[in-house]
Amino acid sequence: MVYGTAYDKEGVLMVYQPSDDDRASVEGWFAQYDALAEQGAIEQLADLAVFPMNVVTDVPGGHAAVKQWSRREYVEAMKEAMGGGTAGLGLTSVRTPRFLSPNLVVVETDATMTIEGREEHMRYADLLVRTEEGWAFQTMIQGGWGHGWPPARRG
């Protein structure tokens, strides 16, 4: 047996199947996140995260880029990105949680927002980790944030 995996009695690898409560807890976390984002409550959004936070993106015309943000860096970046909040953007999100275990879930989001009458589409993913206080996001993955970032390097 490998740590973090489970096998049935025939030795077949079992994939974690989340309960309705597991799914509801993630949906509840995102409802809280969305409400805070709408208000532009950046400090409270930071309270829903684990730092350092991994941020994975790409460099336009280049390769992937990876950073770790402190709480301060996250707050600064979100103030710039969200300004006064997402209210009035007509933001809709369709989220697909993929549970890796009871305590780890990757959530893929397809979002649409309306800016000055024009629809913008985004796709991103977050890694949520279950903490003693509840779910928290620890990794954000979205293309297009890497302007001026050094490209990722192996090794």
N, C-alpha and C. Protein backbone atom coordinates (compact mmCIF):
# COMPACT_ATOMS: atom_id res chain seq x y z
N MET A 1 0.85 -1.18 0.00
CA MET A 1 0.00 0.00 0.00
C MET A 1 0.89 1.24 0.00
N VAL A 2 0.49 2.23 -0.77
CA VAL A 2 1.19 3.51 -0.85
C VAL A 2 0.45 4.51 0.02
N TYR A 3 1.19 5.34 0.77
CA TYR A 3 0.57 6.33 1.63
C TYR A 3 -0.40 7.20 0.84
N GLY A 4 -1.58 7.46 1.39
CA GLY A 4 -2.54 8.33 0.74
C GLY A 4 -3.43 7.64 -0.27
N THR A 5 -3.28 6.34 -0.42
CA THR A 5 -4.14 5.62 -1.35
C THR A 5 -4.88 4.54 -0.59
N ALA A 6 -5.93 4.06 -1.18
CA ALA A 6 -6.70 2.98 -0.58
C ALA A 6 -6.99 1.95 -1.66
N TYR A 7 -7.03 0.70 -1.24
CA TYR A 7 -7.29 -0.39 -2.16
C TYR A 7 -8.47 -1.20 -1.65
N ASP A 8 -9.26 -1.74 -2.57
CA ASP A 8 -10.34 -2.62 -2.15
C ASP A 8 -9.77 -4.00 -1.85
N LYS A 9 -10.63 -4.94 -1.48
CA LYS A 9 -10.15 -6.26 -1.06
C LYS A 9 -9.51 -7.06 -2.19
N GLU A 10 -9.76 -6.66 -3.46
CA GLU A 10 -9.11 -7.32 -4.59
C GLU A 10 -7.80 -6.64 -4.97
N GLY A 11 -7.44 -5.58 -4.23
CA GLY A 11 -6.20 -4.88 -4.53
C GLY A 11 -6.33 -3.81 -5.60
N VAL A 12 -7.55 -3.42 -5.94
CA VAL A 12 -7.78 -2.39 -6.95
C VAL A 12 -7.77 -1.02 -6.27
N LEU A 13 -7.05 -0.08 -6.87
CA LEU A 13 -6.95 1.26 -6.33
C LEU A 13 -8.33 1.91 -6.28
N MET A 14 -8.67 2.47 -5.14
CA MET A 14 -9.95 3.15 -4.98
C MET A 14 -9.71 4.66 -5.02
N VAL A 15 -10.58 5.36 -5.70
CA VAL A 15 -10.52 6.81 -5.76
C VAL A 15 -11.47 7.36 -4.71
N TYR A 16 -11.05 8.40 -4.00
CA TYR A 16 -11.89 8.98 -2.96
C TYR A 16 -13.20 9.49 -3.55
N GLN A 17 -14.29 9.09 -2.96
CA GLN A 17 -15.61 9.53 -3.39
C GLN A 17 -16.15 10.50 -2.35
N PRO A 18 -16.26 11.79 -2.69
CA PRO A 18 -16.74 12.75 -1.70
C PRO A 18 -18.21 12.54 -1.38
N SER A 19 -18.55 12.85 -0.16
CA SER A 19 -19.95 12.78 0.28
C SER A 19 -20.68 14.06 -0.14
N ASP A 20 -21.98 14.04 0.02
CA ASP A 20 -22.76 15.26 -0.23
C ASP A 20 -22.30 16.37 0.71
N ASP A 21 -21.96 16.02 1.95
CA ASP A 21 -21.47 17.02 2.90
C ASP A 21 -20.13 17.60 2.46
N ASP A 22 -19.25 16.75 1.90
CA ASP A 22 -17.97 17.24 1.39
C ASP A 22 -18.21 18.29 0.30
N ARG A 23 -19.06 17.95 -0.65
CA ARG A 23 -19.35 18.88 -1.76
C ARG A 23 -20.01 20.15 -1.25
N ALA A 24 -20.93 20.01 -0.33
CA ALA A 24 -21.62 21.18 0.23
C ALA A 24 -20.65 22.09 0.98
N SER A 25 -19.67 21.49 1.66
CA SER A 25 -18.71 22.32 2.40
C SER A 25 -17.86 23.15 1.46
N VAL A 26 -17.49 22.60 0.31
CA VAL A 26 -16.72 23.36 -0.68
C VAL A 26 -17.60 24.44 -1.31
N GLU A 27 -18.84 24.09 -1.62
CA GLU A 27 -19.77 25.09 -2.18
C GLU A 27 -19.99 26.23 -1.19
N GLY A 28 -20.09 25.90 0.09
CA GLY A 28 -20.26 26.92 1.13
C GLY A 28 -19.04 27.82 1.23
N TRP A 29 -17.86 27.22 1.12
CA TRP A 29 -16.63 28.02 1.16
C TRP A 29 -16.62 29.01 0.00
N PHE A 30 -16.97 28.55 -1.21
CA PHE A 30 -16.98 29.45 -2.37
C PHE A 30 -18.07 30.51 -2.26
N ALA A 31 -19.20 30.20 -1.64
CA ALA A 31 -20.24 31.21 -1.44
C ALA A 31 -19.70 32.33 -0.55
N GLN A 32 -18.97 31.95 0.50
CA GLN A 32 -18.35 32.94 1.38
C GLN A 32 -17.30 33.75 0.62
N TYR A 33 -16.45 33.05 -0.14
CA TYR A 33 -15.41 33.72 -0.94
C TYR A 33 -16.04 34.71 -1.92
N ASP A 34 -17.07 34.27 -2.66
CA ASP A 34 -17.71 35.12 -3.65
C ASP A 34 -18.33 36.36 -3.02
N ALA A 35 -18.96 36.20 -1.86
CA ALA A 35 -19.58 37.34 -1.17
C ALA A 35 -18.51 38.36 -0.76
N LEU A 36 -17.39 37.88 -0.25
CA LEU A 36 -16.30 38.78 0.14
C LEU A 36 -15.67 39.45 -1.08
N ALA A 37 -15.51 38.69 -2.16
CA ALA A 37 -14.94 39.24 -3.39
C ALA A 37 -15.84 40.34 -3.95
N GLU A 38 -17.14 40.12 -3.88
CA GLU A 38 -18.09 41.11 -4.37
C GLU A 38 -17.93 42.43 -3.61
N GLN A 39 -17.66 42.34 -2.32
CA GLN A 39 -17.49 43.52 -1.48
C GLN A 39 -16.11 44.14 -1.60
N GLY A 40 -15.16 43.42 -2.20
CA GLY A 40 -13.78 43.90 -2.24
C GLY A 40 -13.09 43.77 -0.89
N ALA A 41 -13.52 42.80 -0.09
CA ALA A 41 -12.98 42.59 1.26
C ALA A 41 -11.71 41.74 1.18
N ILE A 42 -10.64 42.35 0.70
CA ILE A 42 -9.40 41.63 0.40
C ILE A 42 -8.76 41.01 1.64
N GLU A 43 -8.71 41.72 2.74
CA GLU A 43 -8.11 41.17 3.97
C GLU A 43 -8.87 39.93 4.44
N GLN A 44 -10.20 39.98 4.34
CA GLN A 44 -11.01 38.82 4.74
C GLN A 44 -10.82 37.67 3.77
N LEU A 45 -10.61 37.97 2.48
CA LEU A 45 -10.29 36.90 1.53
C LEU A 45 -8.97 36.24 1.91
N ALA A 46 -8.00 37.04 2.32
CA ALA A 46 -6.71 36.49 2.75
C ALA A 46 -6.87 35.59 3.96
N ASP A 47 -7.87 35.87 4.80
CA ASP A 47 -8.12 35.01 5.96
C ASP A 47 -8.57 33.61 5.54
N LEU A 48 -9.01 33.45 4.29
CA LEU A 48 -9.47 32.15 3.78
C LEU A 48 -8.36 31.37 3.09
N ALA A 49 -7.12 31.82 3.23
CA ALA A 49 -5.99 31.20 2.52
C ALA A 49 -4.95 30.67 3.49
N VAL A 50 -4.06 29.85 2.95
CA VAL A 50 -2.88 29.36 3.67
C VAL A 50 -1.67 29.97 2.96
N PHE A 51 -0.79 30.59 3.72
CA PHE A 51 0.41 31.22 3.17
C PHE A 51 1.64 30.51 3.68
N PRO A 52 2.74 30.46 2.88
CA PRO A 52 2.81 31.07 1.56
C PRO A 52 1.88 30.35 0.59
N MET A 53 1.34 31.14 -0.34
CA MET A 53 0.41 30.64 -1.33
C MET A 53 1.17 30.40 -2.63
N ASN A 54 0.94 29.25 -3.23
CA ASN A 54 1.52 28.98 -4.55
C ASN A 54 0.67 29.65 -5.61
N VAL A 55 1.32 30.33 -6.53
CA VAL A 55 0.63 30.98 -7.65
C VAL A 55 1.30 30.46 -8.91
N VAL A 56 0.50 29.84 -9.78
CA VAL A 56 1.00 29.23 -11.00
C VAL A 56 0.31 29.92 -12.17
N THR A 57 1.09 30.39 -13.12
CA THR A 57 0.55 31.10 -14.26
C THR A 57 1.47 30.87 -15.46
N ASP A 58 1.38 31.74 -16.44
CA ASP A 58 2.32 31.65 -17.55
C ASP A 58 2.78 33.05 -17.95
N VAL A 59 3.89 33.05 -18.64
CA VAL A 59 4.49 34.28 -19.14
C VAL A 59 4.00 34.41 -20.58
N PRO A 60 3.32 35.51 -20.93
CA PRO A 60 2.82 35.64 -22.30
C PRO A 60 3.93 35.40 -23.33
N GLY A 61 3.63 34.50 -24.28
CA GLY A 61 4.59 34.17 -25.32
C GLY A 61 5.75 33.33 -24.84
N GLY A 62 5.65 32.82 -23.61
CA GLY A 62 6.77 32.08 -23.04
C GLY A 62 6.34 30.76 -22.44
N HIS A 63 6.69 30.57 -21.20
CA HIS A 63 6.45 29.31 -20.50
C HIS A 63 5.73 29.58 -19.19
N ALA A 64 5.57 28.55 -18.39
CA ALA A 64 4.93 28.69 -17.09
C ALA A 64 5.79 29.55 -16.17
N ALA A 65 5.14 30.11 -15.17
CA ALA A 65 5.81 30.90 -14.14
C ALA A 65 5.18 30.54 -12.81
N VAL A 66 6.01 30.45 -11.77
CA VAL A 66 5.54 30.02 -10.46
C VAL A 66 6.14 30.94 -9.40
N LYS A 67 5.31 31.35 -8.46
CA LYS A 67 5.77 32.15 -7.33
C LYS A 67 5.09 31.66 -6.07
N GLN A 68 5.66 32.05 -4.96
CA GLN A 68 4.98 31.89 -3.68
C GLN A 68 4.73 33.29 -3.14
N TRP A 69 3.48 33.56 -2.83
CA TRP A 69 3.11 34.87 -2.29
C TRP A 69 2.95 34.80 -0.79
N SER A 70 3.42 35.83 -0.13
CA SER A 70 3.11 36.03 1.28
C SER A 70 1.71 36.63 1.34
N ARG A 71 1.18 36.74 2.52
CA ARG A 71 -0.14 37.37 2.69
C ARG A 71 -0.10 38.79 2.13
N ARG A 72 0.95 39.54 2.42
CA ARG A 72 1.07 40.91 1.95
C ARG A 72 1.06 40.97 0.43
N GLU A 73 1.81 40.08 -0.22
CA GLU A 73 1.85 40.05 -1.69
C GLU A 73 0.47 39.70 -2.28
N TYR A 74 -0.21 38.75 -1.64
CA TYR A 74 -1.55 38.39 -2.10
C TYR A 74 -2.49 39.59 -2.01
N VAL A 75 -2.48 40.26 -0.86
CA VAL A 75 -3.37 41.41 -0.66
C VAL A 75 -3.08 42.49 -1.69
N GLU A 76 -1.82 42.78 -1.92
CA GLU A 76 -1.47 43.80 -2.92
C GLU A 76 -1.97 43.42 -4.32
N ALA A 77 -1.74 42.16 -4.71
CA ALA A 77 -2.14 41.70 -6.04
C ALA A 77 -3.66 41.73 -6.19
N MET A 78 -4.39 41.31 -5.17
CA MET A 78 -5.84 41.27 -5.26
C MET A 78 -6.44 42.67 -5.23
N LYS A 79 -5.84 43.59 -4.49
CA LYS A 79 -6.32 44.98 -4.53
C LYS A 79 -6.20 45.54 -5.94
N GLU A 80 -5.10 45.23 -6.60
CA GLU A 80 -4.90 45.69 -7.97
C GLU A 80 -5.88 45.00 -8.93
N ALA A 81 -6.07 43.70 -8.75
CA ALA A 81 -6.92 42.94 -9.67
C ALA A 81 -8.41 43.20 -9.44
N MET A 82 -8.83 43.31 -8.18
CA MET A 82 -10.25 43.42 -7.86
C MET A 82 -10.72 44.85 -7.60
N GLY A 83 -9.78 45.73 -7.29
CA GLY A 83 -10.20 47.09 -6.97
C GLY A 83 -11.20 47.08 -5.84
N GLY A 84 -12.37 47.66 -6.10
CA GLY A 84 -13.41 47.75 -5.08
C GLY A 84 -14.29 46.52 -4.98
N GLY A 85 -13.97 45.48 -5.71
CA GLY A 85 -14.75 44.25 -5.63
C GLY A 85 -15.33 43.86 -6.97
N THR A 86 -16.01 42.74 -6.98
CA THR A 86 -16.54 42.19 -8.23
C THR A 86 -18.01 42.53 -8.44
N ALA A 87 -18.62 43.25 -7.50
CA ALA A 87 -20.03 43.63 -7.65
C ALA A 87 -20.20 44.43 -8.94
N GLY A 88 -21.26 44.17 -9.65
CA GLY A 88 -21.55 44.91 -10.87
C GLY A 88 -20.88 44.35 -12.11
N LEU A 89 -20.10 43.27 -11.96
CA LEU A 89 -19.43 42.68 -13.12
C LEU A 89 -20.27 41.60 -13.80
N GLY A 90 -21.40 41.27 -13.23
CA GLY A 90 -22.20 40.18 -13.81
C GLY A 90 -21.41 38.90 -13.84
N LEU A 91 -20.70 38.61 -12.76
CA LEU A 91 -19.82 37.44 -12.70
C LEU A 91 -20.63 36.18 -12.44
N THR A 92 -20.43 35.19 -13.30
CA THR A 92 -21.03 33.87 -13.09
C THR A 92 -19.91 32.84 -13.15
N SER A 93 -19.99 31.86 -12.28
CA SER A 93 -18.95 30.84 -12.21
C SER A 93 -19.58 29.46 -12.17
N VAL A 94 -18.97 28.55 -12.93
CA VAL A 94 -19.34 27.14 -12.87
C VAL A 94 -18.11 26.42 -12.33
N ARG A 95 -18.28 25.79 -11.19
CA ARG A 95 -17.14 25.16 -10.52
C ARG A 95 -17.29 23.65 -10.51
N THR A 96 -16.15 22.99 -10.74
CA THR A 96 -16.12 21.53 -10.73
C THR A 96 -15.06 21.09 -9.72
N PRO A 97 -15.49 20.63 -8.54
CA PRO A 97 -14.52 20.15 -7.55
C PRO A 97 -14.08 18.72 -7.87
N ARG A 98 -12.79 18.49 -7.75
CA ARG A 98 -12.22 17.16 -7.95
C ARG A 98 -11.47 16.80 -6.66
N PHE A 99 -12.11 15.99 -5.85
CA PHE A 99 -11.53 15.62 -4.56
C PHE A 99 -10.42 14.61 -4.77
N LEU A 100 -9.24 14.92 -4.25
CA LEU A 100 -8.12 13.98 -4.27
C LEU A 100 -8.14 13.12 -3.01
N SER A 101 -8.68 13.68 -1.95
CA SER A 101 -8.81 13.00 -0.67
C SER A 101 -9.86 13.78 0.13
N PRO A 102 -10.16 13.35 1.34
CA PRO A 102 -11.13 14.12 2.14
C PRO A 102 -10.63 15.54 2.45
N ASN A 103 -9.32 15.77 2.34
CA ASN A 103 -8.73 17.04 2.77
C ASN A 103 -8.10 17.86 1.66
N LEU A 104 -8.14 17.37 0.43
CA LEU A 104 -7.54 18.06 -0.72
C LEU A 104 -8.53 18.05 -1.86
N VAL A 105 -8.81 19.23 -2.42
CA VAL A 105 -9.72 19.30 -3.56
C VAL A 105 -9.21 20.35 -4.54
N VAL A 106 -9.13 19.95 -5.81
CA VAL A 106 -8.80 20.87 -6.88
C VAL A 106 -10.13 21.30 -7.48
N VAL A 107 -10.34 22.59 -7.56
CA VAL A 107 -11.60 23.11 -8.08
C VAL A 107 -11.33 23.87 -9.37
N GLU A 108 -11.89 23.35 -10.46
CA GLU A 108 -11.78 24.02 -11.76
C GLU A 108 -12.97 24.96 -11.89
N THR A 109 -12.69 26.18 -12.35
CA THR A 109 -13.75 27.17 -12.50
C THR A 109 -13.75 27.72 -13.92
N ASP A 110 -14.93 27.74 -14.52
CA ASP A 110 -15.17 28.45 -15.77
C ASP A 110 -16.03 29.64 -15.39
N ALA A 111 -15.52 30.85 -15.63
CA ALA A 111 -16.22 32.06 -15.21
C ALA A 111 -16.43 32.98 -16.40
N THR A 112 -17.51 33.73 -16.31
CA THR A 112 -17.81 34.75 -17.30
C THR A 112 -18.14 36.03 -16.55
N MET A 113 -17.55 37.13 -16.99
CA MET A 113 -17.90 38.42 -16.41
C MET A 113 -18.12 39.42 -17.54
N THR A 114 -18.92 40.41 -17.23
CA THR A 114 -19.23 41.44 -18.22
C THR A 114 -18.53 42.73 -17.82
N ILE A 115 -17.67 43.20 -18.71
CA ILE A 115 -16.94 44.44 -18.49
C ILE A 115 -17.28 45.39 -19.62
N GLU A 116 -17.89 46.53 -19.26
CA GLU A 116 -18.28 47.53 -20.25
C GLU A 116 -19.08 46.91 -21.40
N GLY A 117 -20.03 46.03 -21.04
CA GLY A 117 -20.91 45.41 -22.03
C GLY A 117 -20.29 44.26 -22.81
N ARG A 118 -19.05 43.94 -22.53
CA ARG A 118 -18.34 42.88 -23.26
C ARG A 118 -18.12 41.70 -22.31
N GLU A 119 -18.45 40.49 -22.79
CA GLU A 119 -18.23 39.29 -21.97
C GLU A 119 -16.78 38.85 -22.04
N GLU A 120 -16.22 38.55 -20.87
CA GLU A 120 -14.87 38.00 -20.75
C GLU A 120 -14.99 36.61 -20.13
N HIS A 121 -14.29 35.64 -20.70
CA HIS A 121 -14.32 34.28 -20.19
C HIS A 121 -12.97 33.94 -19.57
N MET A 122 -13.02 33.24 -18.45
CA MET A 122 -11.80 32.83 -17.75
C MET A 122 -11.93 31.38 -17.33
N ARG A 123 -10.82 30.72 -17.25
CA ARG A 123 -10.76 29.38 -16.68
C ARG A 123 -9.59 29.37 -15.72
N TYR A 124 -9.82 28.86 -14.52
CA TYR A 124 -8.75 28.79 -13.54
C TYR A 124 -9.02 27.64 -12.59
N ALA A 125 -8.05 27.35 -11.75
CA ALA A 125 -8.21 26.28 -10.77
C ALA A 125 -7.59 26.72 -9.45
N ASP A 126 -8.14 26.18 -8.39
CA ASP A 126 -7.63 26.43 -7.04
C ASP A 126 -7.45 25.09 -6.34
N LEU A 127 -6.40 25.00 -5.55
CA LEU A 127 -6.23 23.87 -4.65
C LEU A 127 -6.70 24.32 -3.28
N LEU A 128 -7.75 23.67 -2.77
CA LEU A 128 -8.22 23.93 -1.43
C LEU A 128 -7.73 22.82 -0.52
N VAL A 129 -7.33 23.20 0.68
CA VAL A 129 -6.87 22.24 1.69
C VAL A 129 -7.75 22.41 2.92
N ARG A 130 -8.09 21.29 3.54
CA ARG A 130 -8.92 21.35 4.75
C ARG A 130 -8.01 21.61 5.94
N THR A 131 -8.29 22.68 6.66
CA THR A 131 -7.53 23.03 7.86
C THR A 131 -8.44 22.81 9.07
N GLU A 132 -7.91 23.01 10.27
CA GLU A 132 -8.73 22.89 11.47
C GLU A 132 -9.87 23.91 11.47
N GLU A 133 -9.67 25.03 10.77
CA GLU A 133 -10.69 26.09 10.70
C GLU A 133 -11.65 25.89 9.53
N GLY A 134 -11.40 24.91 8.69
CA GLY A 134 -12.23 24.69 7.50
C GLY A 134 -11.38 24.79 6.25
N TRP A 135 -12.04 24.86 5.10
CA TRP A 135 -11.32 24.92 3.83
C TRP A 135 -10.54 26.21 3.71
N ALA A 136 -9.40 26.13 3.00
CA ALA A 136 -8.59 27.31 2.69
C ALA A 136 -7.96 27.07 1.33
N PHE A 137 -7.77 28.16 0.57
CA PHE A 137 -7.10 27.95 -0.69
C PHE A 137 -5.62 28.17 -0.50
N GLN A 138 -4.83 27.32 -1.19
CA GLN A 138 -3.39 27.33 -1.01
C GLN A 138 -2.67 27.52 -2.33
N THR A 139 -3.29 27.15 -3.43
CA THR A 139 -2.67 27.31 -4.75
C THR A 139 -3.69 27.89 -5.71
N MET A 140 -3.28 28.94 -6.42
CA MET A 140 -4.11 29.53 -7.47
C MET A 140 -3.41 29.25 -8.80
N ILE A 141 -4.18 28.80 -9.78
CA ILE A 141 -3.63 28.49 -11.11
C ILE A 141 -4.49 29.20 -12.15
N GLN A 142 -3.87 30.12 -12.88
CA GLN A 142 -4.60 30.83 -13.95
C GLN A 142 -3.60 31.42 -14.92
N GLY A 143 -3.87 31.26 -16.18
CA GLY A 143 -3.00 31.83 -17.20
C GLY A 143 -3.10 33.35 -17.23
N GLY A 144 -2.02 33.98 -17.70
CA GLY A 144 -2.05 35.40 -17.99
C GLY A 144 -1.61 36.35 -16.91
N TRP A 145 -1.19 35.84 -15.75
CA TRP A 145 -0.76 36.73 -14.67
C TRP A 145 0.75 37.01 -14.71
N GLY A 146 1.48 36.33 -15.56
CA GLY A 146 2.94 36.33 -15.48
C GLY A 146 3.68 37.45 -16.16
N HIS A 147 3.03 38.57 -16.45
CA HIS A 147 3.73 39.69 -17.08
C HIS A 147 4.90 40.13 -16.20
N GLY A 148 6.11 40.02 -16.74
CA GLY A 148 7.30 40.42 -16.00
C GLY A 148 7.84 39.38 -15.03
N TRP A 149 7.18 38.23 -14.91
CA TRP A 149 7.67 37.18 -14.02
C TRP A 149 8.73 36.37 -14.75
N PRO A 150 9.72 35.87 -14.02
CA PRO A 150 10.69 34.97 -14.68
C PRO A 150 10.02 33.63 -14.98
N PRO A 151 10.37 33.01 -16.10
CA PRO A 151 9.79 31.71 -16.42
C PRO A 151 10.24 30.66 -15.40
N ALA A 152 9.42 29.65 -15.21
CA ALA A 152 9.76 28.55 -14.30
C ALA A 152 10.95 27.79 -14.84
N ARG A 153 11.75 27.27 -13.93
CA ARG A 153 12.93 26.47 -14.29
C ARG A 153 12.87 25.14 -13.55
N ARG A 154 13.26 24.09 -14.23
CA ARG A 154 13.33 22.79 -13.58
C ARG A 154 14.58 22.69 -12.73
N GLY A 155 14.51 21.78 -11.76
CA GLY A 155 15.68 21.47 -10.95
C GLY A 155 15.93 22.48 -9.92
